[in-house]
């Protein structure tokens, strides 16, 4: 019998499933894969105690929104809940205009935030910009 529990330090299984299946781009969102970019985001947030437990995993290409999981500060468990926060890079903090938008898990985030935004961008002109029409 295999152990189906996950290590507390691992990203949620839904995130790991997307990665294993090479699903990284959901324009205008993309999954963060560059460790230096993730470190830079966390570094910019280092002075803001609200973001100490944020684990950024995706960002929008067209604005300053970042999607994060939240780590339990006591146990280090990375939860399933997804927050979208607006990072204000010019101020070096992660202030949010109306507070974070919250989703129960990655699949809900994809369904309720990402897919509608992808649909809005899916226009003929965008195919020319991407230059990848098949």
N, C-alpha and C. Protein backbone atom coordinates (compact mmCIF):
# COMPACT_ATOMS: atom_id res chain seq x y z
N UNK A 1 0.85 -1.17 0.00
CA UNK A 1 0.00 0.00 0.00
C UNK A 1 0.90 1.24 0.00
N UNK A 2 0.59 2.19 -0.87
CA UNK A 2 1.43 3.38 -0.94
C UNK A 2 0.91 4.46 0.00
N UNK A 3 1.85 5.29 0.43
CA UNK A 3 1.51 6.41 1.30
C UNK A 3 1.06 7.57 0.43
N UNK A 4 -0.21 8.00 0.59
CA UNK A 4 -0.74 9.08 -0.23
C UNK A 4 -0.64 10.44 0.45
N UNK A 5 -0.12 10.48 1.66
CA UNK A 5 0.01 11.78 2.33
C UNK A 5 1.17 12.54 1.71
N UNK A 6 1.07 13.87 1.75
CA UNK A 6 2.14 14.68 1.17
C UNK A 6 2.98 15.29 2.28
N UNK A 7 4.23 15.49 1.98
CA UNK A 7 5.11 16.18 2.91
C UNK A 7 4.57 17.58 3.15
N UNK A 8 4.69 18.07 4.35
CA UNK A 8 4.13 19.37 4.69
C UNK A 8 4.81 20.50 3.94
N UNK A 9 6.01 20.29 3.43
CA UNK A 9 6.73 21.35 2.74
C UNK A 9 6.47 21.38 1.23
N UNK A 10 5.71 20.44 0.72
CA UNK A 10 5.44 20.38 -0.71
C UNK A 10 4.28 21.31 -1.07
N UNK A 11 4.33 21.77 -2.31
CA UNK A 11 3.21 22.52 -2.84
C UNK A 11 2.01 21.57 -2.95
N UNK A 12 0.79 22.11 -2.98
CA UNK A 12 -0.40 21.25 -3.10
C UNK A 12 -0.34 20.34 -4.33
N UNK A 13 -0.99 19.20 -4.23
CA UNK A 13 -0.94 18.21 -5.30
C UNK A 13 -1.47 18.78 -6.62
N UNK A 14 -2.46 19.64 -6.59
CA UNK A 14 -2.99 20.22 -7.83
C UNK A 14 -1.90 21.01 -8.56
N UNK A 15 -1.10 21.75 -7.81
CA UNK A 15 -0.01 22.52 -8.40
C UNK A 15 1.04 21.58 -8.99
N UNK A 16 1.39 20.55 -8.24
CA UNK A 16 2.38 19.59 -8.72
C UNK A 16 1.86 18.83 -9.94
N UNK A 17 0.56 18.57 -10.00
CA UNK A 17 -0.05 17.91 -11.15
C UNK A 17 0.07 18.79 -12.39
N UNK A 18 -0.25 20.09 -12.25
CA UNK A 18 -0.10 21.01 -13.38
C UNK A 18 1.34 21.02 -13.87
N UNK A 19 2.28 21.10 -12.94
CA UNK A 19 3.70 21.13 -13.30
C UNK A 19 4.13 19.85 -13.99
N UNK A 20 3.70 18.72 -13.47
CA UNK A 20 4.06 17.43 -14.06
C UNK A 20 3.53 17.30 -15.48
N UNK A 21 2.43 17.98 -15.76
CA UNK A 21 1.83 17.94 -17.09
C UNK A 21 2.23 19.13 -17.95
N UNK A 22 3.22 19.87 -17.49
CA UNK A 22 3.79 21.02 -18.21
C UNK A 22 2.75 22.08 -18.57
N UNK A 23 1.81 22.28 -17.67
CA UNK A 23 0.80 23.32 -17.85
C UNK A 23 1.27 24.56 -17.08
N UNK A 24 1.93 25.47 -17.79
CA UNK A 24 2.56 26.61 -17.14
C UNK A 24 2.02 27.95 -17.60
N UNK A 25 1.39 28.01 -18.76
CA UNK A 25 0.97 29.29 -19.31
C UNK A 25 -0.54 29.32 -19.51
N UNK A 26 -1.16 30.31 -18.90
CA UNK A 26 -2.60 30.51 -18.98
C UNK A 26 -2.83 32.00 -19.24
N UNK A 27 -2.28 32.50 -20.34
CA UNK A 27 -2.21 33.92 -20.57
C UNK A 27 -3.55 34.60 -20.28
N UNK A 28 -3.54 35.66 -19.45
CA UNK A 28 -2.39 36.46 -19.05
C UNK A 28 -1.66 35.96 -17.81
N UNK A 29 -2.09 34.84 -17.23
CA UNK A 29 -1.40 34.27 -16.07
C UNK A 29 -0.31 33.31 -16.53
N UNK A 30 0.74 33.18 -15.73
CA UNK A 30 1.72 32.13 -15.96
C UNK A 30 2.24 31.63 -14.62
N UNK A 31 2.58 30.36 -14.59
CA UNK A 31 3.12 29.74 -13.38
C UNK A 31 4.57 30.16 -13.24
N UNK A 32 4.93 30.57 -12.04
CA UNK A 32 6.31 30.97 -11.76
C UNK A 32 7.19 29.73 -11.66
N UNK A 33 8.22 29.68 -12.49
CA UNK A 33 9.14 28.54 -12.47
C UNK A 33 10.56 28.97 -12.16
N UNK A 34 10.86 30.24 -12.34
CA UNK A 34 12.19 30.76 -12.12
C UNK A 34 12.38 31.07 -10.64
N UNK A 35 13.25 30.33 -9.98
CA UNK A 35 13.47 30.51 -8.54
C UNK A 35 13.93 31.91 -8.20
N UNK A 36 14.69 32.55 -9.11
CA UNK A 36 15.15 33.92 -8.87
C UNK A 36 13.97 34.89 -8.88
N UNK A 37 13.02 34.68 -9.77
CA UNK A 37 11.84 35.54 -9.83
C UNK A 37 11.00 35.38 -8.56
N UNK A 38 10.83 34.14 -8.11
CA UNK A 38 10.08 33.89 -6.88
C UNK A 38 10.80 34.54 -5.70
N UNK A 39 12.11 34.39 -5.63
CA UNK A 39 12.88 35.00 -4.55
C UNK A 39 12.77 36.52 -4.58
N UNK A 40 12.76 37.10 -5.77
CA UNK A 40 12.63 38.56 -5.89
C UNK A 40 11.28 39.03 -5.38
N UNK A 41 10.23 38.30 -5.70
CA UNK A 41 8.90 38.65 -5.21
C UNK A 41 8.88 38.61 -3.69
N UNK A 42 9.37 37.51 -3.13
CA UNK A 42 9.37 37.37 -1.67
C UNK A 42 10.26 38.42 -1.02
N UNK A 43 11.36 38.76 -1.64
CA UNK A 43 12.25 39.79 -1.11
C UNK A 43 11.57 41.15 -1.08
N UNK A 44 10.83 41.47 -2.14
CA UNK A 44 10.10 42.74 -2.17
C UNK A 44 9.04 42.82 -1.09
N UNK A 45 8.57 41.67 -0.64
CA UNK A 45 7.53 41.63 0.39
C UNK A 45 8.10 41.49 1.79
N UNK A 46 9.41 41.37 1.94
CA UNK A 46 10.01 41.01 3.22
C UNK A 46 9.68 41.96 4.36
N UNK A 47 9.41 43.22 4.08
CA UNK A 47 9.12 44.17 5.15
C UNK A 47 7.64 44.20 5.53
N UNK A 48 6.80 43.44 4.84
CA UNK A 48 5.36 43.45 5.10
C UNK A 48 4.96 42.16 5.81
N UNK A 49 4.59 42.23 7.10
CA UNK A 49 4.27 41.00 7.84
C UNK A 49 3.08 40.25 7.30
N UNK A 50 2.20 40.91 6.53
CA UNK A 50 1.04 40.21 5.95
C UNK A 50 1.46 39.17 4.94
N UNK A 51 2.63 39.32 4.36
CA UNK A 51 3.04 38.43 3.28
C UNK A 51 4.10 37.41 3.69
N UNK A 52 4.45 37.37 4.95
CA UNK A 52 5.52 36.48 5.40
C UNK A 52 5.25 35.02 5.08
N UNK A 53 3.99 34.64 5.06
CA UNK A 53 3.66 33.23 4.81
C UNK A 53 3.17 32.99 3.39
N UNK A 54 3.24 33.99 2.53
CA UNK A 54 2.79 33.83 1.15
C UNK A 54 3.82 33.05 0.34
N UNK A 55 3.35 32.07 -0.42
CA UNK A 55 4.18 31.29 -1.32
C UNK A 55 3.73 31.58 -2.74
N UNK A 56 4.35 32.57 -3.41
CA UNK A 56 3.92 32.93 -4.77
C UNK A 56 4.13 31.77 -5.74
N UNK A 57 3.12 31.54 -6.60
CA UNK A 57 3.26 30.47 -7.58
C UNK A 57 2.86 30.91 -8.99
N UNK A 58 2.19 32.05 -9.13
CA UNK A 58 1.78 32.51 -10.46
C UNK A 58 1.66 34.02 -10.46
N UNK A 59 1.77 34.60 -11.64
CA UNK A 59 1.58 36.04 -11.77
C UNK A 59 0.95 36.36 -13.11
N UNK A 60 0.35 37.53 -13.15
CA UNK A 60 -0.21 38.02 -14.41
C UNK A 60 0.86 38.76 -15.16
N UNK A 61 0.84 38.61 -16.47
CA UNK A 61 1.81 39.27 -17.32
C UNK A 61 1.46 40.73 -17.58
N UNK A 62 0.18 41.07 -17.42
CA UNK A 62 -0.28 42.41 -17.81
C UNK A 62 -0.54 43.35 -16.63
N UNK A 63 -0.36 42.89 -15.41
CA UNK A 63 -0.50 43.77 -14.24
C UNK A 63 0.30 43.19 -13.07
N UNK A 64 0.08 43.71 -11.89
CA UNK A 64 0.91 43.33 -10.74
C UNK A 64 0.28 42.26 -9.86
N UNK A 65 -0.69 41.52 -10.37
CA UNK A 65 -1.31 40.50 -9.54
C UNK A 65 -0.43 39.26 -9.44
N UNK A 66 -0.37 38.75 -8.23
CA UNK A 66 0.40 37.54 -7.91
C UNK A 66 -0.55 36.57 -7.22
N UNK A 67 -0.50 35.29 -7.61
CA UNK A 67 -1.28 34.25 -6.93
C UNK A 67 -0.36 33.54 -5.96
N UNK A 68 -0.87 33.31 -4.75
CA UNK A 68 -0.05 32.70 -3.70
C UNK A 68 -0.84 31.62 -2.97
N UNK A 69 -0.10 30.65 -2.46
CA UNK A 69 -0.62 29.75 -1.44
C UNK A 69 -0.17 30.35 -0.11
N UNK A 70 -0.81 29.95 0.98
CA UNK A 70 -0.45 30.46 2.29
C UNK A 70 0.13 29.34 3.13
N UNK A 71 1.31 29.59 3.66
CA UNK A 71 2.02 28.62 4.50
C UNK A 71 1.64 28.85 5.96
N UNK A 72 1.36 27.78 6.67
CA UNK A 72 1.09 27.89 8.11
C UNK A 72 2.41 28.25 8.80
N UNK A 73 2.46 29.38 9.52
CA UNK A 73 3.72 29.82 10.11
C UNK A 73 4.24 28.90 11.22
N UNK A 74 3.37 28.12 11.80
CA UNK A 74 3.77 27.22 12.88
C UNK A 74 4.30 25.89 12.36
N UNK A 75 3.55 25.29 11.43
CA UNK A 75 3.89 23.95 10.95
C UNK A 75 4.67 23.94 9.64
N UNK A 76 4.54 25.01 8.87
CA UNK A 76 5.16 25.04 7.55
C UNK A 76 4.32 24.39 6.48
N UNK A 77 3.13 23.89 6.85
CA UNK A 77 2.24 23.29 5.85
C UNK A 77 1.84 24.35 4.83
N UNK A 78 1.82 23.97 3.58
CA UNK A 78 1.37 24.86 2.52
C UNK A 78 -0.07 24.47 2.21
N UNK A 79 -0.98 25.40 2.46
CA UNK A 79 -2.40 25.12 2.31
C UNK A 79 -2.86 25.11 0.86
N UNK A 80 -4.08 24.68 0.67
CA UNK A 80 -4.70 24.61 -0.65
C UNK A 80 -5.25 25.96 -1.11
N UNK A 81 -5.61 26.82 -0.16
CA UNK A 81 -6.25 28.10 -0.47
C UNK A 81 -5.34 28.97 -1.32
N UNK A 82 -5.94 29.67 -2.29
CA UNK A 82 -5.20 30.57 -3.18
C UNK A 82 -5.67 32.00 -2.92
N UNK A 83 -4.72 32.91 -2.82
CA UNK A 83 -5.02 34.33 -2.73
C UNK A 83 -4.42 35.02 -3.94
N UNK A 84 -5.12 36.03 -4.45
CA UNK A 84 -4.53 36.92 -5.45
C UNK A 84 -4.29 38.24 -4.75
N UNK A 85 -3.04 38.65 -4.75
CA UNK A 85 -2.67 39.92 -4.14
C UNK A 85 -2.09 40.83 -5.20
N UNK A 86 -2.26 42.11 -5.01
CA UNK A 86 -1.71 43.08 -5.95
C UNK A 86 -0.43 43.63 -5.35
N UNK A 87 0.68 43.31 -5.97
CA UNK A 87 1.97 43.77 -5.47
C UNK A 87 2.29 45.13 -6.06
N UNK A 88 2.63 46.05 -5.21
CA UNK A 88 3.02 47.40 -5.65
C UNK A 88 4.53 47.49 -5.63
N UNK A 89 5.14 47.12 -6.75
CA UNK A 89 6.60 47.01 -6.82
C UNK A 89 7.30 48.33 -6.55
N UNK A 90 6.73 49.44 -6.98
CA UNK A 90 7.42 50.72 -6.81
C UNK A 90 7.54 51.13 -5.35
N UNK A 91 6.69 50.59 -4.47
CA UNK A 91 6.78 50.92 -3.05
C UNK A 91 7.52 49.85 -2.27
N UNK A 92 7.84 48.74 -2.92
CA UNK A 92 8.58 47.67 -2.25
C UNK A 92 7.79 46.93 -1.21
N UNK A 93 6.45 46.97 -1.29
CA UNK A 93 5.65 46.21 -0.35
C UNK A 93 4.54 45.49 -1.11
N UNK A 94 3.67 44.84 -0.38
CA UNK A 94 2.60 44.08 -1.03
C UNK A 94 1.25 44.61 -0.57
N UNK A 95 1.08 45.90 -0.56
CA UNK A 95 -0.21 46.48 -0.18
C UNK A 95 -1.25 46.05 -1.19
N UNK A 96 -2.44 45.87 -0.74
CA UNK A 96 -3.51 45.50 -1.66
C UNK A 96 -4.56 46.59 -1.65
N UNK A 97 -5.16 46.82 -2.80
CA UNK A 97 -6.14 47.89 -2.91
C UNK A 97 -7.44 47.53 -2.20
N UNK A 98 -7.94 46.34 -2.40
CA UNK A 98 -9.21 45.95 -1.78
C UNK A 98 -9.07 44.66 -1.00
N UNK A 99 -7.88 44.34 -0.58
CA UNK A 99 -7.64 43.08 0.09
C UNK A 99 -7.52 41.96 -0.93
N UNK A 100 -6.93 40.86 -0.54
CA UNK A 100 -6.74 39.76 -1.49
C UNK A 100 -8.06 39.13 -1.91
N UNK A 101 -8.10 38.66 -3.15
CA UNK A 101 -9.21 37.82 -3.60
C UNK A 101 -8.86 36.40 -3.20
N UNK A 102 -9.83 35.66 -2.71
CA UNK A 102 -9.56 34.33 -2.15
C UNK A 102 -10.34 33.25 -2.89
N UNK A 103 -9.66 32.10 -3.07
CA UNK A 103 -10.24 30.94 -3.74
C UNK A 103 -9.93 29.72 -2.89
N UNK A 104 -10.85 28.77 -2.83
CA UNK A 104 -10.70 27.60 -1.97
C UNK A 104 -9.52 26.71 -2.31
N UNK A 105 -9.19 26.63 -3.59
CA UNK A 105 -8.06 25.80 -4.01
C UNK A 105 -7.64 26.21 -5.42
N UNK A 106 -6.64 25.55 -5.94
CA UNK A 106 -6.09 25.88 -7.25
C UNK A 106 -7.12 25.69 -8.37
N UNK A 107 -7.92 24.63 -8.29
CA UNK A 107 -8.90 24.37 -9.34
C UNK A 107 -9.96 25.48 -9.35
N UNK A 108 -10.37 25.95 -8.19
CA UNK A 108 -11.34 27.05 -8.11
C UNK A 108 -10.73 28.33 -8.67
N UNK A 109 -9.47 28.58 -8.36
CA UNK A 109 -8.76 29.75 -8.90
C UNK A 109 -8.74 29.69 -10.43
N UNK A 110 -8.40 28.52 -10.97
CA UNK A 110 -8.38 28.37 -12.43
C UNK A 110 -9.76 28.62 -13.02
N UNK A 111 -10.78 28.02 -12.43
CA UNK A 111 -12.14 28.14 -12.96
C UNK A 111 -12.70 29.56 -12.84
N UNK A 112 -12.51 30.19 -11.69
CA UNK A 112 -13.19 31.46 -11.42
C UNK A 112 -12.37 32.70 -11.77
N UNK A 113 -11.07 32.58 -11.83
CA UNK A 113 -10.23 33.76 -12.12
C UNK A 113 -9.48 33.61 -13.44
N UNK A 114 -8.82 32.49 -13.63
CA UNK A 114 -7.93 32.35 -14.78
C UNK A 114 -8.67 32.11 -16.09
N UNK A 115 -9.56 31.15 -16.12
CA UNK A 115 -10.26 30.83 -17.38
C UNK A 115 -11.06 32.02 -17.91
N UNK A 116 -11.82 32.75 -17.09
CA UNK A 116 -12.52 33.93 -17.63
C UNK A 116 -11.56 34.98 -18.19
N UNK A 117 -10.41 35.15 -17.56
CA UNK A 117 -9.44 36.12 -18.06
C UNK A 117 -8.79 35.63 -19.35
N UNK A 118 -8.52 34.33 -19.43
CA UNK A 118 -8.00 33.77 -20.68
C UNK A 118 -9.00 33.97 -21.80
N UNK A 119 -10.27 33.73 -21.51
CA UNK A 119 -11.32 33.88 -22.51
C UNK A 119 -11.38 35.31 -23.05
N UNK A 120 -11.21 36.27 -22.17
CA UNK A 120 -11.24 37.67 -22.59
C UNK A 120 -10.07 38.02 -23.51
N UNK A 121 -8.94 37.34 -23.33
CA UNK A 121 -7.75 37.60 -24.15
C UNK A 121 -7.75 36.80 -25.45
N UNK A 122 -8.59 35.80 -25.56
CA UNK A 122 -8.58 34.90 -26.73
C UNK A 122 -9.23 35.59 -27.93
N UNK A 123 -8.47 36.47 -28.55
CA UNK A 123 -8.93 37.24 -29.70
C UNK A 123 -7.97 37.01 -30.87
N UNK A 124 -8.47 37.22 -32.05
CA UNK A 124 -7.66 37.05 -33.26
C UNK A 124 -6.35 37.84 -33.19
N UNK A 125 -6.45 39.08 -32.72
CA UNK A 125 -5.24 39.94 -32.66
C UNK A 125 -4.17 39.34 -31.75
N UNK A 126 -4.60 38.66 -30.68
CA UNK A 126 -3.64 38.07 -29.76
C UNK A 126 -2.87 36.92 -30.40
N UNK A 127 -3.51 36.20 -31.32
CA UNK A 127 -2.80 35.12 -32.01
C UNK A 127 -1.61 35.68 -32.79
N UNK A 128 -1.79 36.83 -33.38
CA UNK A 128 -0.70 37.47 -34.11
C UNK A 128 0.42 37.90 -33.17
N UNK A 129 0.06 38.40 -31.99
CA UNK A 129 1.05 38.82 -31.01
C UNK A 129 1.88 37.62 -30.56
N UNK A 130 1.19 36.52 -30.28
CA UNK A 130 1.91 35.33 -29.83
C UNK A 130 2.66 34.66 -30.95
N UNK A 131 2.16 34.78 -32.17
CA UNK A 131 2.83 34.20 -33.32
C UNK A 131 2.94 32.70 -33.29
N UNK A 132 2.00 32.05 -32.61
CA UNK A 132 2.08 30.59 -32.44
C UNK A 132 0.84 29.87 -32.94
N UNK A 133 0.07 30.49 -33.79
CA UNK A 133 -1.14 29.83 -34.25
C UNK A 133 -0.76 28.57 -35.02
N UNK A 134 -1.47 27.50 -34.79
CA UNK A 134 -1.16 26.21 -35.41
C UNK A 134 -2.12 25.91 -36.52
